Structures are given as C-alpha cells and as structure tokens.
C-alpha cells in the first residue's frame, strides 16, 4: 500500500482529500500498486475517485487511441453508480493489474495543483443533487459521456473527459456546484457531438447528390 507523509493535507472532516491521496502515490517510494490497492486507498470515495482518475488524463496530450483505453474502465464504473451499486466491482484481471507509480506521476503530476485549488474552495452543498436519485443521474450521465469518449472523434474527447472529471469530483466532494458545472460541460459535449454529426451527414448527403448528378 502507498505510504503517506505525516503532513499530508486533510479536509475539514479529517479525511484525506483526493489530491492528498494522489500525492501519496507520486511522492511516496517508487513501487508498483495493484488497482485493488489503489481502490482501497480511496475508500468509500472509490467510485468518484476512479472516474476522475480514468477521465482526466484525456485532457493531456496522449497517443492516438488512448481515450478508448481509458474509456473502457469508465464503462465498467459509471453504470455501477447509475445502478446504485454500493461496492465497486471490477473483473479480477483488471483489479489485479499493477501500475508503476512513475506512470501515475506522469498522469497526475500536472493535475494535482489544479485539483488542490478546486478542493480549497469546494464544500458539500446543494445536497438535492446527490442521494439515491441524484447519484444515479450522475452515473447515467457519466456512462453516456464515456460512450462518447471512446468514439474515434479527433479532439472529441476533451469535453466529455472534462465533464466526467468534474462530475466525478462533485461525487467525491458532494459539491452540487461542481455537479452543475459538470452537467453544463456534458450538455456542451453533446451539443458539439450533435453539430459534428450534422456536419458529417450534410457532407454525406452533398456527396450523394454530386455522385447522382455525375
């Protein structure tokens, strides 16, 4: 399990914030961790933490196809939130997969300072957006966004990744303001997808008209 220093920052409830857990991974001794061990570190916030962990790296420059690889775990995790599953389930092959902490540093090193700034102003609020119904709506939204994320659309993964990351952080923090921002990003993502689909269909119809006139 990762080791954390005694000065690791804690939130107002005495619980180590998500940024503190991620810093523990990258600042601790170099090692490999199984996904099961990582999940145990997140505790009861595992659903939101893993949604955040698999979505936000898509905001960084990544090799082609990375969004599909990172989107697959999201399609396992988000539906469980939508169904109200209380204990996260992952296939054994995935849960036993080991990650080197160097890779975690590359993935989260640049994001943690931004995450810390958000956590500094975030707090539990707008509780109506959470609970048995609100959590399921959030999970369903993340599921639909994950389906968009894995599509091979050039630069089409940024908005869905940002929306999932914001909703995931809202789930961790129980912060309704973050949830509203996440839903706004989700709406923008679907709007861009609809516009792209409209442009593609218009181009396809135009090509058919030209072919028919030839």
Foldseek 3Di string as FASTA:
>chain_A
DFDADPPQDPDPVRHRDLLSLLCSLQVTDWDKDFLLRSLVSCPQLSLLSLLLQLQVLVQPDDPPQSLLVSLVVLLQRLQCQLVVPRDRDDPPVRRGDMDISVVSCVRCVVPSVVVVVCSVPFAADPLVCDDPNNSNVLSVLLNVLSVQSNDNDVVLSNLSSVLSNLSSSCSRRNGVVSPVVSVVSSVVSVVVVVVVVVVVVVVVVVVVVVVVVD
